[in-house]
Amino acid sequence: MRVKDVLSSKGSDAVHVIAPDATVSDLMDRLADLNVGALIVSTDGSEVLGIVSERDIVRKLRGAENARDVAVSAIMTTDVRTCSPEDSFGGLMAIMTEHRVRHVPVLEDGRLVGVLSIGDAVKHRMEQLEFERDQLNSYVAGG
């Protein structure tokens, strides 16, 4: 199983980005409107400058004055863990577990082609397990 299989099973290839000069106020509105937990920081939609999540807002703006006016670039994570469409699903899960990240951008030839969340990975794994269960039940039933 490859990352590209998980990407194709998502049902949407939308990648949500935000500009580095956007404000935290813009960020919060966009996260809420899209009902997502993180956005890729990019000026052109294909190059990853960083990633910004709800965690970044909480951890980096706690106690800050005028927090809503701070630029996304000031709170984004720049050490972004990425994967490629050809990477194994197990490798994706290892990245998420070892680095304690919930969102992993997918890059192909250095260009952003998708983002996978921990929710996407868990959903995909559950579908795999259900398929295996059904196959075993069919086998045991003699079908």
C-alpha atoms as a PDB file:
ATOM      1  CA  MET A   1       0.000   0.000   0.000  1.00  0.00           C
ATOM      2  CA  ARG A   2       1.353   3.391  -1.032  1.00  0.00           C
ATOM      3  CA  VAL A   3       0.662   6.990  -0.044  1.00  0.00           C
ATOM      4  CA  LYS A   4      -0.888   7.561  -3.490  1.00  0.00           C
ATOM      5  CA  ASP A   5      -3.530   4.923  -2.641  1.00  0.00           C
ATOM      6  CA  VAL A   6      -4.522   6.816   0.486  1.00  0.00           C
ATOM      7  CA  LEU A   7      -4.594  10.094  -1.443  1.00  0.00           C
ATOM      8  CA  SER A   8      -6.862   8.655  -4.131  1.00  0.00           C
ATOM      9  CA  SER A   9      -9.236   7.199  -1.532  1.00  0.00           C
ATOM     10  CA  LYS A  10      -9.789  10.598   0.095  1.00  0.00           C
ATOM     11  CA  GLY A  11     -12.337  11.596  -2.516  1.00  0.00           C
ATOM     12  CA  SER A  12     -10.892  15.089  -2.859  1.00  0.00           C
ATOM     13  CA  ASP A  13      -7.556  16.301  -4.105  1.00  0.00           C
ATOM     14  CA  ALA A  14      -7.995  19.797  -2.653  1.00  0.00           C
ATOM     15  CA  VAL A  15      -4.936  21.192  -0.913  1.00  0.00           C
ATOM     16  CA  HIS A  16      -5.635  24.172   1.305  1.00  0.00           C
ATOM     17  CA  VAL A  17      -2.909  26.790   1.621  1.00  0.00           C
ATOM     18  CA  ILE A  18      -2.429  30.148   3.246  1.00  0.00           C
ATOM     19  CA  ALA A  19       0.052  32.898   2.456  1.00  0.00           C
ATOM     20  CA  PRO A  20       2.856  33.565   4.949  1.00  0.00           C
ATOM     21  CA  ASP A  21       1.823  37.210   5.276  1.00  0.00           C
ATOM     22  CA  ALA A  22      -1.792  36.351   6.175  1.00  0.00           C
ATOM     23  CA  THR A  23      -2.774  37.183   9.751  1.00  0.00           C
ATOM     24  CA  VAL A  24      -3.671  34.739  12.482  1.00  0.00           C
ATOM     25  CA  SER A  25      -7.191  36.149  12.238  1.00  0.00           C
ATOM     26  CA  ASP A  26      -7.280  35.090   8.561  1.00  0.00           C
ATOM     27  CA  LEU A  27      -5.859  31.721   9.546  1.00  0.00           C
ATOM     28  CA  MET A  28      -8.485  31.058  12.200  1.00  0.00           C
ATOM     29  CA  ASP A  29     -11.287  32.029   9.816  1.00  0.00           C
ATOM     30  CA  ARG A  30      -9.933  29.721   7.131  1.00  0.00           C
ATOM     31  CA  LEU A  31      -9.430  26.775   9.494  1.00  0.00           C
ATOM     32  CA  ALA A  32     -12.987  27.185  10.756  1.00  0.00           C
ATOM     33  CA  ASP A  33     -14.513  27.656   7.284  1.00  0.00           C
ATOM     34  CA  LEU A  34     -12.732  24.595   5.888  1.00  0.00           C
ATOM     35  CA  ASN A  35     -13.150  22.536   9.074  1.00  0.00           C
ATOM     36  CA  VAL A  36      -9.494  21.469   8.984  1.00  0.00           C
ATOM     37  CA  GLY A  37      -6.752  21.449  11.588  1.00  0.00           C
ATOM     38  CA  ALA A  38      -3.849  22.744   9.515  1.00  0.00           C
ATOM     39  CA  LEU A  39      -2.957  24.640   6.368  1.00  0.00           C
ATOM     40  CA  ILE A  40       0.130  24.527   4.191  1.00  0.00           C
ATOM     41  CA  VAL A  41       1.951  27.855   4.076  1.00  0.00           C
ATOM     42  CA  SER A  42       2.725  28.674   0.456  1.00  0.00           C
ATOM     43  CA  THR A  43       2.848  31.653  -1.848  1.00  0.00           C
ATOM     44  CA  ASP A  44       2.164  29.714  -5.032  1.00  0.00           C
ATOM     45  CA  GLY A  45       0.266  26.584  -3.950  1.00  0.00           C
ATOM     46  CA  SER A  46       3.056  24.214  -4.948  1.00  0.00           C
ATOM     47  CA  GLU A  47       6.074  25.147  -2.802  1.00  0.00           C
ATOM     48  CA  VAL A  48       5.856  24.327   0.908  1.00  0.00           C
ATOM     49  CA  LEU A  49       7.248  27.131   3.069  1.00  0.00           C
ATOM     50  CA  GLY A  50       5.782  25.685   6.233  1.00  0.00           C
ATOM     51  CA  ILE A  51       2.685  24.314   7.883  1.00  0.00           C
ATOM     52  CA  VAL A  52       0.496  26.006  10.452  1.00  0.00           C
ATOM     53  CA  SER A  53      -1.932  24.221  12.723  1.00  0.00           C
ATOM     54  CA  GLU A  54      -4.270  24.782  15.612  1.00  0.00           C
ATOM     55  CA  ARG A  55      -1.426  23.602  17.840  1.00  0.00           C
ATOM     56  CA  ASP A  56       0.803  26.411  16.531  1.00  0.00           C
ATOM     57  CA  ILE A  57      -1.854  28.970  17.418  1.00  0.00           C
ATOM     58  CA  VAL A  58      -2.199  27.668  20.967  1.00  0.00           C
ATOM     59  CA  ARG A  59       1.474  27.078  21.675  1.00  0.00           C
ATOM     60  CA  LYS A  60       3.026  30.105  20.024  1.00  0.00           C
ATOM     61  CA  LEU A  61       0.446  32.789  20.747  1.00  0.00           C
ATOM     62  CA  ARG A  62      -0.364  32.042  24.358  1.00  0.00           C
ATOM     63  CA  GLY A  63      -0.200  35.345  26.178  1.00  0.00           C
ATOM     64  CA  ALA A  64       0.672  37.337  23.057  1.00  0.00           C
ATOM     65  CA  GLU A  65      -0.765  40.807  22.686  1.00  0.00           C
ATOM     66  CA  ASN A  66      -2.671  41.478  19.464  1.00  0.00           C
ATOM     67  CA  ALA A  67      -2.361  37.778  18.607  1.00  0.00           C
ATOM     68  CA  ARG A  68      -4.949  38.019  15.833  1.00  0.00           C
ATOM     69  CA  ASP A  69      -2.715  40.479  13.940  1.00  0.00           C
ATOM     70  CA  VAL A  70       0.427  38.307  14.006  1.00  0.00           C
ATOM     71  CA  ALA A  71       1.603  37.023  10.603  1.00  0.00           C
ATOM     72  CA  VAL A  72       1.280  33.313   9.885  1.00  0.00           C
ATOM     73  CA  SER A  73       5.005  33.244   9.071  1.00  0.00           C
ATOM     74  CA  ALA A  74       5.743  34.091  12.721  1.00  0.00           C
ATOM     75  CA  ILE A  75       4.025  30.981  14.073  1.00  0.00           C
ATOM     76  CA  MET A  76       4.310  28.413  11.273  1.00  0.00           C
ATOM     77  CA  THR A  77       6.379  25.269  11.581  1.00  0.00           C
ATOM     78  CA  THR A  78       9.207  25.347   9.064  1.00  0.00           C
ATOM     79  CA  ASP A  79      10.671  21.900   9.749  1.00  0.00           C
ATOM     80  CA  VAL A  80       7.934  20.139   7.793  1.00  0.00           C
ATOM     81  CA  ARG A  81       7.858  16.343   7.567  1.00  0.00           C
ATOM     82  CA  THR A  82       6.835  15.308   4.056  1.00  0.00           C
ATOM     83  CA  CYS A  83       6.359  12.157   2.029  1.00  0.00           C
ATOM     84  CA  SER A  84       5.996  11.217  -1.632  1.00  0.00           C
ATOM     85  CA  PRO A  85       3.147   9.417  -3.407  1.00  0.00           C
ATOM     86  CA  GLU A  86       5.391   6.357  -3.809  1.00  0.00           C
ATOM     87  CA  ASP A  87       6.231   6.062  -0.096  1.00  0.00           C
ATOM     88  CA  SER A  88       4.686   3.170   1.777  1.00  0.00           C
ATOM     89  CA  PHE A  89       1.630   3.645   3.953  1.00  0.00           C
ATOM     90  CA  GLY A  90       3.654   2.224   6.830  1.00  0.00           C
ATOM     91  CA  GLY A  91       6.299   4.884   6.244  1.00  0.00           C
ATOM     92  CA  LEU A  92       3.635   7.600   6.429  1.00  0.00           C
ATOM     93  CA  MET A  93       2.361   6.200   9.718  1.00  0.00           C
ATOM     94  CA  ALA A  94       5.938   6.051  11.055  1.00  0.00           C
ATOM     95  CA  ILE A  95       6.476   9.738  10.200  1.00  0.00           C
ATOM     96  CA  MET A  96       3.284  10.701  12.011  1.00  0.00           C
ATOM     97  CA  THR A  97       4.119   8.590  15.052  1.00  0.00           C
ATOM     98  CA  GLU A  98       7.841   9.319  15.397  1.00  0.00           C
ATOM     99  CA  HIS A  99       7.552  13.062  14.821  1.00  0.00           C
ATOM    100  CA  ARG A 100       4.169  13.511  16.527  1.00  0.00           C
ATOM    101  CA  VAL A 101       2.625  15.273  13.532  1.00  0.00           C
ATOM    102  CA  ARG A 102      -0.981  15.086  12.435  1.00  0.00           C
ATOM    103  CA  HIS A 103      -0.600  16.436   8.890  1.00  0.00           C
ATOM    104  CA  VAL A 104       1.943  15.398   6.272  1.00  0.00           C
ATOM    105  CA  PRO A 105       2.258  17.205   2.936  1.00  0.00           C
ATOM    106  CA  VAL A 106       2.779  14.932  -0.062  1.00  0.00           C
ATOM    107  CA  LEU A 107       5.411  16.183  -2.518  1.00  0.00           C
ATOM    108  CA  GLU A 108       6.100  14.903  -6.009  1.00  0.00           C
ATOM    109  CA  ASP A 109       9.210  16.287  -7.678  1.00  0.00           C
ATOM    110  CA  GLY A 110       9.288  19.002  -5.000  1.00  0.00           C
ATOM    111  CA  ARG A 111       5.721  20.147  -5.731  1.00  0.00           C
ATOM    112  CA  LEU A 112       2.795  19.897  -3.325  1.00  0.00           C
ATOM    113  CA  VAL A 113       0.256  17.337  -4.586  1.00  0.00           C
ATOM    114  CA  GLY A 114      -1.691  16.560  -1.430  1.00  0.00           C
ATOM    115  CA  VAL A 115      -1.890  16.519   2.335  1.00  0.00           C
ATOM    116  CA  LEU A 116      -2.714  13.537   4.515  1.00  0.00           C
ATOM    117  CA  SER A 117      -4.001  13.869   8.043  1.00  0.00           C
ATOM    118  CA  ILE A 118      -3.949  11.332  10.829  1.00  0.00           C
ATOM    119  CA  GLY A 119      -7.703  11.044  10.245  1.00  0.00           C
ATOM    120  CA  ASP A 120      -7.125  10.103   6.601  1.00  0.00           C
ATOM    121  CA  ALA A 121      -4.598   7.460   7.660  1.00  0.00           C
ATOM    122  CA  VAL A 122      -6.849   5.966  10.350  1.00  0.00           C
ATOM    123  CA  LYS A 123      -9.839   5.881   7.983  1.00  0.00           C
ATOM    124  CA  HIS A 124      -7.769   4.135   5.326  1.00  0.00           C
ATOM    125  CA  ARG A 125      -6.447   1.582   7.820  1.00  0.00           C
ATOM    126  CA  MET A 126      -9.977   0.880   9.094  1.00  0.00           C
ATOM    127  CA  GLU A 127     -11.121   0.240   5.508  1.00  0.00           C
ATOM    128  CA  GLN A 128      -8.213  -2.174   5.029  1.00  0.00           C
ATOM    129  CA  LEU A 129      -9.100  -4.047   8.214  1.00  0.00           C
ATOM    130  CA  GLU A 130     -12.776  -4.279   7.252  1.00  0.00           C
ATOM    131  CA  PHE A 131     -11.847  -5.667   3.835  1.00  0.00           C
ATOM    132  CA  GLU A 132      -9.560  -8.265   5.427  1.00  0.00           C
ATOM    133  CA  ARG A 133     -12.269  -9.221   7.921  1.00  0.00           C
ATOM    134  CA  ASP A 134     -14.805  -9.664   5.128  1.00  0.00           C
ATOM    135  CA  GLN A 135     -12.360 -11.801   3.146  1.00  0.00           C
ATOM    136  CA  LEU A 136     -11.674 -14.011   6.173  1.00  0.00           C
ATOM    137  CA  ASN A 137     -15.386 -14.356   6.923  1.00  0.00           C
ATOM    138  CA  SER A 138     -16.012 -15.357   3.310  1.00  0.00           C
ATOM    139  CA  TYR A 139     -13.198 -17.879   3.443  1.00  0.00           C
ATOM    140  CA  VAL A 140     -14.410 -19.400   6.720  1.00  0.00           C
ATOM    141  CA  ALA A 141     -17.985 -19.572   5.414  1.00  0.00           C
ATOM    142  CA  GLY A 142     -16.696 -21.486   2.383  1.00  0.00           C
ATOM    143  CA  GLY A 143     -17.619 -18.788  -0.125  1.00  0.00           C
END
